[in-house]
Amino acid sequence: MQMFEVRREQFVISTDKRRLNLQLIFDFLSNRSYWARGRSLEIISRSIETSLCFGVYECENQIGFARVVTDYATFGWVCDLFILETHTGKMAHPIDHRTS
């Protein structure tokens, strides 16, 4: 499958698994998430190998992750999605409430 990458200002979203920080993903999922608490490094690594994964980066530092379980044709289930707490809200555009 072809890799996907999009840039917006200093942020990058990429499907390049070589860029993923496995230790960061493991720490967040196993220790800080409620849905994957206690999940082993081996299980997380295997789940990444067999899924479509998206890393979110600020410059070169990974700040988020999402994993999609998919048949690559008609179905995809988004799971293990997170943005580090220190970066939530940074990519949002403010709404302009001015009237003409």
PDB file of N, CA and C in Angstrom:
ATOM      1  N   MET A   1       0.823  -1.176   0.000  1.00  0.00           N
ATOM      2  CA  MET A   1       0.000   0.000   0.000  1.00  0.00           C
ATOM      3  C   MET A   1       0.873   1.249   0.000  1.00  0.00           C
ATOM      4  N   GLN A   2       0.449   2.255  -0.722  1.00  0.00           N
ATOM      5  CA  GLN A   2       1.178   3.508  -0.817  1.00  0.00           C
ATOM      6  C   GLN A   2       1.071   4.297   0.485  1.00  0.00           C
ATOM      7  N   MET A   3       2.165   4.923   0.876  1.00  0.00           N
ATOM      8  CA  MET A   3       2.160   5.737   2.086  1.00  0.00           C
ATOM      9  C   MET A   3       1.428   7.049   1.825  1.00  0.00           C
ATOM     10  N   PHE A   4       0.834   7.581   2.895  1.00  0.00           N
ATOM     11  CA  PHE A   4       0.097   8.840   2.853  1.00  0.00           C
ATOM     12  C   PHE A   4       0.772   9.795   3.824  1.00  0.00           C
ATOM     13  N   GLU A   5       0.914  11.053   3.408  1.00  0.00           N
ATOM     14  CA  GLU A   5       1.457  12.060   4.301  1.00  0.00           C
ATOM     15  C   GLU A   5       0.871  13.413   3.939  1.00  0.00           C
ATOM     16  N   VAL A   6       0.460  14.138   4.960  1.00  0.00           N
ATOM     17  CA  VAL A   6      -0.065  15.488   4.750  1.00  0.00           C
ATOM     18  C   VAL A   6       0.552  16.406   5.792  1.00  0.00           C
ATOM     19  N   ARG A   7       0.879  17.633   5.366  1.00  0.00           N
ATOM     20  CA  ARG A   7       1.484  18.626   6.257  1.00  0.00           C
ATOM     21  C   ARG A   7       0.549  19.818   6.391  1.00  0.00           C
ATOM     22  N   ARG A   8       0.527  20.370   7.601  1.00  0.00           N
ATOM     23  CA  ARG A   8      -0.218  21.601   7.873  1.00  0.00           C
ATOM     24  C   ARG A   8       0.564  22.358   8.926  1.00  0.00           C
ATOM     25  N   GLU A   9       1.150  23.466   8.505  1.00  0.00           N
ATOM     26  CA  GLU A   9       2.050  24.239   9.352  1.00  0.00           C
ATOM     27  C   GLU A   9       3.168  23.310   9.844  1.00  0.00           C
ATOM     28  N   GLN A  10       3.377  23.212  11.164  1.00  0.00           N
ATOM     29  CA  GLN A  10       4.456  22.362  11.674  1.00  0.00           C
ATOM     30  C   GLN A  10       3.998  20.932  11.941  1.00  0.00           C
ATOM     31  N   PHE A  11       2.747  20.598  11.590  1.00  0.00           N
ATOM     32  CA  PHE A  11       2.188  19.279  11.877  1.00  0.00           C
ATOM     33  C   PHE A  11       2.199  18.385  10.644  1.00  0.00           C
ATOM     34  N   VAL A  12       2.425  17.093  10.887  1.00  0.00           N
ATOM     35  CA  VAL A  12       2.433  16.091   9.815  1.00  0.00           C
ATOM     36  C   VAL A  12       1.608  14.899  10.282  1.00  0.00           C
ATOM     37  N   ILE A  13       0.788  14.363   9.372  1.00  0.00           N
ATOM     38  CA  ILE A  13       0.105  13.087   9.591  1.00  0.00           C
ATOM     39  C   ILE A  13       0.657  12.140   8.543  1.00  0.00           C
ATOM     40  N   SER A  14       1.127  10.975   8.972  1.00  0.00           N
ATOM     41  CA  SER A  14       1.803  10.044   8.068  1.00  0.00           C
ATOM     42  C   SER A  14       1.423   8.600   8.378  1.00  0.00           C
ATOM     43  N   THR A  15       1.355   7.788   7.328  1.00  0.00           N
ATOM     44  CA  THR A  15       1.126   6.352   7.504  1.00  0.00           C
ATOM     45  C   THR A  15       2.434   5.560   7.456  1.00  0.00           C
ATOM     46  N   ASP A  16       3.557   6.246   7.464  1.00  0.00           N
ATOM     47  CA  ASP A  16       4.865   5.583   7.444  1.00  0.00           C
ATOM     48  C   ASP A  16       5.135   4.960   8.815  1.00  0.00           C
ATOM     49  N   LYS A  17       5.024   3.643   8.913  1.00  0.00           N
ATOM     50  CA  LYS A  17       5.214   2.950  10.197  1.00  0.00           C
ATOM     51  C   LYS A  17       6.637   3.072  10.723  1.00  0.00           C
ATOM     52  N   ARG A  18       7.591   3.339   9.849  1.00  0.00           N
ATOM     53  CA  ARG A  18       8.982   3.503  10.298  1.00  0.00           C
ATOM     54  C   ARG A  18       9.145   4.733  11.179  1.00  0.00           C
ATOM     55  N   ARG A  19       8.242   5.692  11.064  1.00  0.00           N
ATOM     56  CA  ARG A  19       8.315   6.924  11.859  1.00  0.00           C
ATOM     57  C   ARG A  19       7.692   6.773  13.242  1.00  0.00           C
ATOM     58  N   LEU A  20       6.892   5.722  13.441  1.00  0.00           N
ATOM     59  CA  LEU A  20       6.167   5.570  14.705  1.00  0.00           C
ATOM     60  C   LEU A  20       7.116   5.361  15.877  1.00  0.00           C
ATOM     61  N   ASN A  21       6.810   5.997  16.982  1.00  0.00           N
ATOM     62  CA  ASN A  21       7.563   5.846  18.223  1.00  0.00           C
ATOM     63  C   ASN A  21       6.832   4.800  19.059  1.00  0.00           C
ATOM     64  N   LEU A  22       7.234   3.556  18.931  1.00  0.00           N
ATOM     65  CA  LEU A  22       6.549   2.447  19.595  1.00  0.00           C
ATOM     66  C   LEU A  22       6.515   2.635  21.111  1.00  0.00           C
ATOM     67  N   GLN A  23       7.579   3.143  21.696  1.00  0.00           N
ATOM     68  CA  GLN A  23       7.614   3.334  23.151  1.00  0.00           C
ATOM     69  C   GLN A  23       6.576   4.368  23.595  1.00  0.00           C
ATOM     70  N   LEU A  24       6.441   5.456  22.842  1.00  0.00           N
ATOM     71  CA  LEU A  24       5.437   6.470  23.162  1.00  0.00           C
ATOM     72  C   LEU A  24       4.030   5.890  23.059  1.00  0.00           C
ATOM     73  N   ILE A  25       3.775   5.143  21.981  1.00  0.00           N
ATOM     74  CA  ILE A  25       2.460   4.523  21.781  1.00  0.00           C
ATOM     75  C   ILE A  25       2.164   3.536  22.904  1.00  0.00           C
ATOM     76  N   PHE A  26       3.137   2.696  23.230  1.00  0.00           N
ATOM     77  CA  PHE A  26       2.973   1.731  24.312  1.00  0.00           C
ATOM     78  C   PHE A  26       2.683   2.431  25.632  1.00  0.00           C
ATOM     79  N   ASP A  27       3.457   3.456  25.946  1.00  0.00           N
ATOM     80  CA  ASP A  27       3.265   4.164  27.212  1.00  0.00           C
ATOM     81  C   ASP A  27       1.862   4.755  27.301  1.00  0.00           C
ATOM     82  N   PHE A  28       1.430   5.411  26.232  1.00  0.00           N
ATOM     83  CA  PHE A  28       0.105   6.028  26.288  1.00  0.00           C
ATOM     84  C   PHE A  28      -0.988   4.971  26.409  1.00  0.00           C
ATOM     85  N   LEU A  29      -0.953   3.984  25.522  1.00  0.00           N
ATOM     86  CA  LEU A  29      -2.031   2.987  25.528  1.00  0.00           C
ATOM     87  C   LEU A  29      -2.039   2.168  26.810  1.00  0.00           C
ATOM     88  N   SER A  30      -0.907   1.664  27.221  1.00  0.00           N
ATOM     89  CA  SER A  30      -0.847   0.742  28.352  1.00  0.00           C
ATOM     90  C   SER A  30      -0.977   1.426  29.707  1.00  0.00           C
ATOM     91  N   ASN A  31      -0.511   2.669  29.810  1.00  0.00           N
ATOM     92  CA  ASN A  31      -0.480   3.327  31.113  1.00  0.00           C
ATOM     93  C   ASN A  31      -1.457   4.489  31.274  1.00  0.00           C
ATOM     94  N   ARG A  32      -1.862   5.131  30.161  1.00  0.00           N
ATOM     95  CA  ARG A  32      -2.653   6.350  30.295  1.00  0.00           C
ATOM     96  C   ARG A  32      -4.043   6.257  29.694  1.00  0.00           C
ATOM     97  N   SER A  33      -4.278   5.322  28.799  1.00  0.00           N
ATOM     98  CA  SER A  33      -5.624   5.199  28.226  1.00  0.00           C
ATOM     99  C   SER A  33      -6.492   4.330  29.132  1.00  0.00           C
ATOM    100  N   TYR A  34      -7.794   4.518  29.043  1.00  0.00           N
ATOM    101  CA  TYR A  34      -8.701   3.656  29.810  1.00  0.00           C
ATOM    102  C   TYR A  34      -9.048   2.393  29.036  1.00  0.00           C
ATOM    103  N   TRP A  35      -8.961   2.429  27.716  1.00  0.00           N
ATOM    104  CA  TRP A  35      -9.403   1.303  26.898  1.00  0.00           C
ATOM    105  C   TRP A  35      -8.326   0.245  26.657  1.00  0.00           C
ATOM    106  N   ALA A  36      -7.067   0.579  26.861  1.00  0.00           N
ATOM    107  CA  ALA A  36      -5.992  -0.382  26.577  1.00  0.00           C
ATOM    108  C   ALA A  36      -5.050  -0.536  27.771  1.00  0.00           C
ATOM    109  N   ARG A  37      -5.481  -0.113  28.927  1.00  0.00           N
ATOM    110  CA  ARG A  37      -4.640  -0.165  30.130  1.00  0.00           C
ATOM    111  C   ARG A  37      -4.121  -1.586  30.346  1.00  0.00           C
ATOM    112  N   GLY A  38      -2.810  -1.695  30.523  1.00  0.00           N
ATOM    113  CA  GLY A  38      -2.189  -2.989  30.775  1.00  0.00           C
ATOM    114  C   GLY A  38      -1.870  -3.800  29.529  1.00  0.00           C
ATOM    115  N   ARG A  39      -2.200  -3.286  28.346  1.00  0.00           N
ATOM    116  CA  ARG A  39      -1.892  -4.010  27.109  1.00  0.00           C
ATOM    117  C   ARG A  39      -0.379  -4.134  26.976  1.00  0.00           C
ATOM    118  N   SER A  40       0.100  -5.300  26.599  1.00  0.00           N
ATOM    119  CA  SER A  40       1.544  -5.549  26.533  1.00  0.00           C
ATOM    120  C   SER A  40       2.172  -4.912  25.290  1.00  0.00           C
ATOM    121  N   LEU A  41       3.475  -4.683  25.380  1.00  0.00           N
ATOM    122  CA  LEU A  41       4.229  -4.159  24.247  1.00  0.00           C
ATOM    123  C   LEU A  41       4.118  -5.105  23.058  1.00  0.00           C
ATOM    124  N   GLU A  42       4.169  -6.411  23.296  1.00  0.00           N
ATOM    125  CA  GLU A  42       4.063  -7.396  22.217  1.00  0.00           C
ATOM    126  C   GLU A  42       2.723  -7.277  21.485  1.00  0.00           C
ATOM    127  N   ILE A  43       1.641  -7.142  22.226  1.00  0.00           N
ATOM    128  CA  ILE A  43       0.312  -7.031  21.602  1.00  0.00           C
ATOM    129  C   ILE A  43       0.192  -5.723  20.827  1.00  0.00           C
ATOM    130  N   ILE A  44       0.676  -4.635  21.400  1.00  0.00           N
ATOM    131  CA  ILE A  44       0.621  -3.344  20.706  1.00  0.00           C
ATOM    132  C   ILE A  44       1.439  -3.397  19.425  1.00  0.00           C
ATOM    133  N   SER A  45       2.619  -3.971  19.497  1.00  0.00           N
ATOM    134  CA  SER A  45       3.476  -4.091  18.319  1.00  0.00           C
ATOM    135  C   SER A  45       2.798  -4.923  17.229  1.00  0.00           C
ATOM    136  N   ARG A  46       2.204  -6.038  17.609  1.00  0.00           N
ATOM    137  CA  ARG A  46       1.522  -6.902  16.632  1.00  0.00           C
ATOM    138  C   ARG A  46       0.313  -6.192  16.028  1.00  0.00           C
ATOM    139  N   SER A  47      -0.428  -5.446  16.850  1.00  0.00           N
ATOM    140  CA  SER A  47      -1.596  -4.732  16.334  1.00  0.00           C
ATOM    141  C   SER A  47      -1.185  -3.661  15.324  1.00  0.00           C
ATOM    142  N   ILE A  48      -0.051  -3.024  15.535  1.00  0.00           N
ATOM    143  CA  ILE A  48       0.456  -2.022  14.593  1.00  0.00           C
ATOM    144  C   ILE A  48       0.865  -2.681  13.279  1.00  0.00           C
ATOM    145  N   GLU A  49       1.525  -3.816  13.371  1.00  0.00           N
ATOM    146  CA  GLU A  49       1.982  -4.529  12.166  1.00  0.00           C
ATOM    147  C   GLU A  49       0.832  -4.884  11.234  1.00  0.00           C
ATOM    148  N   THR A  50      -0.332  -5.202  11.795  1.00  0.00           N
ATOM    149  CA  THR A  50      -1.441  -5.719  10.987  1.00  0.00           C
ATOM    150  C   THR A  50      -2.542  -4.689  10.752  1.00  0.00           C
ATOM    151  N   SER A  51      -2.278  -3.412  11.018  1.00  0.00           N
ATOM    152  CA  SER A  51      -3.282  -2.360  10.853  1.00  0.00           C
ATOM    153  C   SER A  51      -2.730  -1.218  10.009  1.00  0.00           C
ATOM    154  N   LEU A  52      -3.631  -0.385   9.518  1.00  0.00           N
ATOM    155  CA  LEU A  52      -3.264   0.877   8.879  1.00  0.00           C
ATOM    156  C   LEU A  52      -3.097   1.883  10.003  1.00  0.00           C
ATOM    157  N   CYS A  53      -1.917   2.456  10.146  1.00  0.00           N
ATOM    158  CA  CYS A  53      -1.623   3.340  11.273  1.00  0.00           C
ATOM    159  C   CYS A  53      -1.299   4.745  10.787  1.00  0.00           C
ATOM    160  N   PHE A  54      -1.712   5.713  11.595  1.00  0.00           N
ATOM    161  CA  PHE A  54      -1.445   7.119  11.332  1.00  0.00           C
ATOM    162  C   PHE A  54      -0.693   7.698  12.519  1.00  0.00           C
ATOM    163  N   GLY A  55       0.486   8.231  12.251  1.00  0.00           N
ATOM    164  CA  GLY A  55       1.224   8.955  13.270  1.00  0.00           C
ATOM    165  C   GLY A  55       0.994  10.439  13.065  1.00  0.00           C
ATOM    166  N   VAL A  56       0.873  11.180  14.150  1.00  0.00           N
ATOM    167  CA  VAL A  56       0.732  12.630  14.096  1.00  0.00           C
ATOM    168  C   VAL A  56       1.994  13.210  14.722  1.00  0.00           C
ATOM    169  N   TYR A  57       2.607  14.160  14.020  1.00  0.00           N
ATOM    170  CA  TYR A  57       3.902  14.685  14.429  1.00  0.00           C
ATOM    171  C   TYR A  57       3.886  16.211  14.448  1.00  0.00           C
ATOM    172  N   GLU A  58       4.551  16.774  15.432  1.00  0.00           N
ATOM    173  CA  GLU A  58       4.871  18.196  15.428  1.00  0.00           C
ATOM    174  C   GLU A  58       6.363  18.258  15.163  1.00  0.00           C
ATOM    175  N   CYS A  59       6.701  18.819  14.014  1.00  0.00           N
ATOM    176  CA  CYS A  59       8.075  18.735  13.510  1.00  0.00           C
ATOM    177  C   CYS A  59       8.425  17.247  13.420  1.00  0.00           C
ATOM    178  N   GLU A  60       9.380  16.754  14.149  1.00  0.00           N
ATOM    179  CA  GLU A  60       9.745  15.336  14.081  1.00  0.00           C
ATOM    180  C   GLU A  60       9.271  14.537  15.290  1.00  0.00           C
ATOM    181  N   ASN A  61       8.616  15.182  16.236  1.00  0.00           N
ATOM    182  CA  ASN A  61       8.185  14.516  17.466  1.00  0.00           C
ATOM    183  C   ASN A  61       6.763  13.998  17.339  1.00  0.00           C
ATOM    184  N   GLN A  62       6.582  12.729  17.621  1.00  0.00           N
ATOM    185  CA  GLN A  62       5.245  12.148  17.554  1.00  0.00           C
ATOM    186  C   GLN A  62       4.398  12.662  18.705  1.00  0.00           C
ATOM    187  N   ILE A  63       3.191  13.148  18.366  1.00  0.00           N
ATOM    188  CA  ILE A  63       2.276  13.687  19.376  1.00  0.00           C
ATOM    189  C   ILE A  63       0.924  12.980  19.356  1.00  0.00           C
ATOM    190  N   GLY A  64       0.732  12.065  18.402  1.00  0.00           N
ATOM    191  CA  GLY A  64      -0.551  11.373  18.320  1.00  0.00           C
ATOM    192  C   GLY A  64      -0.456  10.115  17.491  1.00  0.00           C
ATOM    193  N   PHE A  65      -1.548   9.359  17.530  1.00  0.00           N
ATOM    194  CA  PHE A  65      -1.580   8.052  16.871  1.00  0.00           C
ATOM    195  C   PHE A  65      -3.030   7.650  16.634  1.00  0.00           C
ATOM    196  N   ALA A  66      -3.260   6.925  15.575  1.00  0.00           N
ATOM    197  CA  ALA A  66      -4.549   6.274  15.326  1.00  0.00           C
ATOM    198  C   ALA A  66      -4.275   4.996  14.554  1.00  0.00           C
ATOM    199  N   ARG A  67      -5.056   3.974  14.868  1.00  0.00           N
ATOM    200  CA  ARG A  67      -4.914   2.679  14.200  1.00  0.00           C
ATOM    201  C   ARG A  67      -6.256   2.339  13.577  1.00  0.00           C
ATOM    202  N   VAL A  68      -6.212   1.865  12.321  1.00  0.00           N
ATOM    203  CA  VAL A  68      -7.428   1.488  11.611  1.00  0.00           C
ATOM    204  C   VAL A  68      -7.347   0.013  11.263  1.00  0.00           C
ATOM    205  N   VAL A  69      -8.313  -0.753  11.759  1.00  0.00           N
ATOM    206  CA  VAL A  69      -8.462  -2.156  11.372  1.00  0.00           C
ATOM    207  C   VAL A  69      -9.325  -2.131  10.114  1.00  0.00           C
ATOM    208  N   THR A  70      -8.805  -2.647   9.012  1.00  0.00           N
ATOM    209  CA  THR A  70      -9.480  -2.474   7.730  1.00  0.00           C
ATOM    210  C   THR A  70      -9.247  -3.637   6.781  1.00  0.00           C
ATOM    211  N   ASP A  71     -10.183  -3.787   5.839  1.00  0.00           N
ATOM    212  CA  ASP A  71      -9.984  -4.730   4.738  1.00  0.00           C
ATOM    213  C   ASP A  71      -9.434  -4.008   3.509  1.00  0.00           C
ATOM    214  N   TYR A  72      -9.168  -2.709   3.627  1.00  0.00           N
ATOM    215  CA  TYR A  72      -8.615  -1.859   2.581  1.00  0.00           C
ATOM    216  C   TYR A  72      -9.533  -1.733   1.366  1.00  0.00           C
ATOM    217  N   ALA A  73     -10.800  -2.116   1.512  1.00  0.00           N
ATOM    218  CA  ALA A  73     -11.738  -1.992   0.400  1.00  0.00           C
ATOM    219  C   ALA A  73     -13.053  -1.339   0.819  1.00  0.00           C
ATOM    220  N   THR A  74     -13.694  -1.882   1.857  1.00  0.00           N
ATOM    221  CA  THR A  74     -15.022  -1.396   2.217  1.00  0.00           C
ATOM    222  C   THR A  74     -15.213  -1.105   3.694  1.00  0.00           C
ATOM    223  N   PHE A  75     -14.278  -1.478   4.537  1.00  0.00           N
ATOM    224  CA  PHE A  75     -14.492  -1.370   5.978  1.00  0.00           C
ATOM    225  C   PHE A  75     -13.250  -0.860   6.682  1.00  0.00           C
ATOM    226  N   GLY A  76     -13.450  -0.001   7.664  1.00  0.00           N
ATOM    227  CA  GLY A  76     -12.368   0.446   8.525  1.00  0.00           C
ATOM    228  C   GLY A  76     -12.907   0.815   9.886  1.00  0.00           C
ATOM    229  N   TRP A  77     -12.235   0.376  10.930  1.00  0.00           N
ATOM    230  CA  TRP A  77     -12.620   0.667  12.305  1.00  0.00           C
ATOM    231  C   TRP A  77     -11.474   1.421  12.952  1.00  0.00           C
ATOM    232  N   VAL A  78     -11.726   2.672  13.353  1.00  0.00           N
ATOM    233  CA  VAL A  78     -10.706   3.500  13.977  1.00  0.00           C
ATOM    234  C   VAL A  78     -10.619   3.138  15.453  1.00  0.00           C
ATOM    235  N   CYS A  79      -9.405   2.889  15.920  1.00  0.00           N
ATOM    236  CA  CYS A  79      -9.207   2.545  17.327  1.00  0.00           C
ATOM    237  C   CYS A  79      -7.851   3.074  17.793  1.00  0.00           C
ATOM    238  N   ASP A  80      -7.628   2.997  19.087  1.00  0.00           N
ATOM    239  CA  ASP A  80      -6.360   3.428  19.698  1.00  0.00           C
ATOM    240  C   ASP A  80      -5.968   4.841  19.276  1.00  0.00           C
ATOM    241  N   LEU A  81      -6.947   5.706  19.165  1.00  0.00           N
ATOM    242  CA  LEU A  81      -6.734   7.081  18.737  1.00  0.00           C
ATOM    243  C   LEU A  81      -6.401   7.957  19.938  1.00  0.00           C
ATOM    244  N   PHE A  82      -5.296   8.712  19.831  1.00  0.00           N
ATOM    245  CA  PHE A  82      -4.969   9.673  20.884  1.00  0.00           C
ATOM    246  C   PHE A  82      -4.091  10.792  20.352  1.00  0.00           C
ATOM    247  N   ILE A  83      -4.217  11.947  21.001  1.00  0.00           N
ATOM    248  CA  ILE A  83      -3.296  13.073  20.866  1.00  0.00           C
ATOM    249  C   ILE A  83      -2.795  13.339  22.277  1.00  0.00           C
ATOM    250  N   LEU A  84      -1.500  13.498  22.438  1.00  0.00           N
ATOM    251  CA  LEU A  84      -0.951  13.779  23.762  1.00  0.00           C
ATOM    252  C   LEU A  84      -1.640  14.998  24.372  1.00  0.00           C
ATOM    253  N   GLU A  85      -1.882  14.942  25.670  1.00  0.00           N
ATOM    254  CA  GLU A  85      -2.600  16.006  26.368  1.00  0.00           C
ATOM    255  C   GLU A  85      -1.951  17.373  26.155  1.00  0.00           C
ATOM    256  N   THR A  86      -0.649  17.409  26.037  1.00  0.00           N
ATOM    257  CA  THR A  86       0.075  18.676  25.871  1.00  0.00           C
ATOM    258  C   THR A  86      -0.178  19.315  24.504  1.00  0.00           C
ATOM    259  N   HIS A  87      -0.825  18.576  23.592  1.00  0.00           N
ATOM    260  CA  HIS A  87      -1.023  19.087  22.238  1.00  0.00           C
ATOM    261  C   HIS A  87      -2.487  19.165  21.813  1.00  0.00           C
ATOM    262  N   THR A  88      -3.402  18.819  22.660  1.00  0.00           N
ATOM    263  CA  THR A  88      -4.810  18.894  22.260  1.00  0.00           C
ATOM    264  C   THR A  88      -5.191  20.346  22.025  1.00  0.00           C
ATOM    265  N   GLY A  89      -5.931  20.576  20.957  1.00  0.00           N
ATOM    266  CA  GLY A  89      -6.396  21.914  20.609  1.00  0.00           C
ATOM    267  C   GLY A  89      -5.446  22.733  19.770  1.00  0.00           C
ATOM    268  N   LYS A  90      -4.242  22.280  19.533  1.00  0.00           N
ATOM    269  CA  LYS A  90      -3.264  23.084  18.789  1.00  0.00           C
ATOM    270  C   LYS A  90      -3.571  23.180  17.295  1.00  0.00           C
ATOM    271  N   MET A  91      -4.273  22.182  16.738  1.00  0.00           N
ATOM    272  CA  MET A  91      -4.534  22.202  15.299  1.00  0.00           C
ATOM    273  C   MET A  91      -5.894  22.790  14.957  1.00  0.00           C
ATOM    274  N   ALA A  92      -6.678  23.129  15.933  1.00  0.00           N
ATOM    275  CA  ALA A  92      -8.017  23.637  15.674  1.00  0.00           C
ATOM    276  C   ALA A  92      -7.955  25.061  15.137  1.00  0.00           C
ATOM    277  N   HIS A  93      -8.849  25.368  14.217  1.00  0.00           N
ATOM    278  CA  HIS A  93      -8.977  26.727  13.718  1.00  0.00           C
ATOM    279  C   HIS A  93     -10.046  27.439  14.517  1.00  0.00           C
ATOM    280  N   PRO A  94      -9.778  28.664  14.960  1.00  0.00           N
ATOM    281  CA  PRO A  94     -10.814  29.404  15.661  1.00  0.00           C
ATOM    282  C   PRO A  94     -11.950  29.752  14.704  1.00  0.00           C
ATOM    283  N   ILE A  95     -13.139  29.802  15.221  1.00  0.00           N
ATOM    284  CA  ILE A  95     -14.305  30.172  14.415  1.00  0.00           C
ATOM    285  C   ILE A  95     -14.422  31.683  14.430  1.00  0.00           C
ATOM    286  N   ASP A  96     -14.605  32.259  13.261  1.00  0.00           N
ATOM    287  CA  ASP A  96     -14.756  33.702  13.142  1.00  0.00           C
ATOM    288  C   ASP A  96     -16.247  34.017  13.312  1.00  0.00           C
ATOM    289  N   HIS A  97     -16.599  34.674  14.406  1.00  0.00           N
ATOM    290  CA  HIS A  97     -17.995  34.991  14.692  1.00  0.00           C
ATOM    291  C   HIS A  97     -18.390  36.397  14.231  1.00  0.00           C
ATOM    292  N   ARG A  98     -17.525  37.054  13.486  1.00  0.00           N
ATOM    293  CA  ARG A  98     -17.858  38.403  13.031  1.00  0.00           C
ATOM    294  C   ARG A  98     -19.002  38.359  12.030  1.00  0.00           C
ATOM    295  N   THR A  99     -19.781  39.383  12.005  1.00  0.00           N
ATOM    296  CA  THR A  99     -20.876  39.480  11.017  1.00  0.00           C
ATOM    297  C   THR A  99     -20.532  40.544  10.021  1.00  0.00           C
ATOM    298  N   SER A 100     -21.051  40.387   8.818  1.00  0.00           N
ATOM    299  CA  SER A 100     -20.775  41.364   7.758  1.00  0.00           C
ATOM    300  C   SER A 100     -21.737  42.512   7.799  1.00  0.00           C
TER     301      SER A 100
END
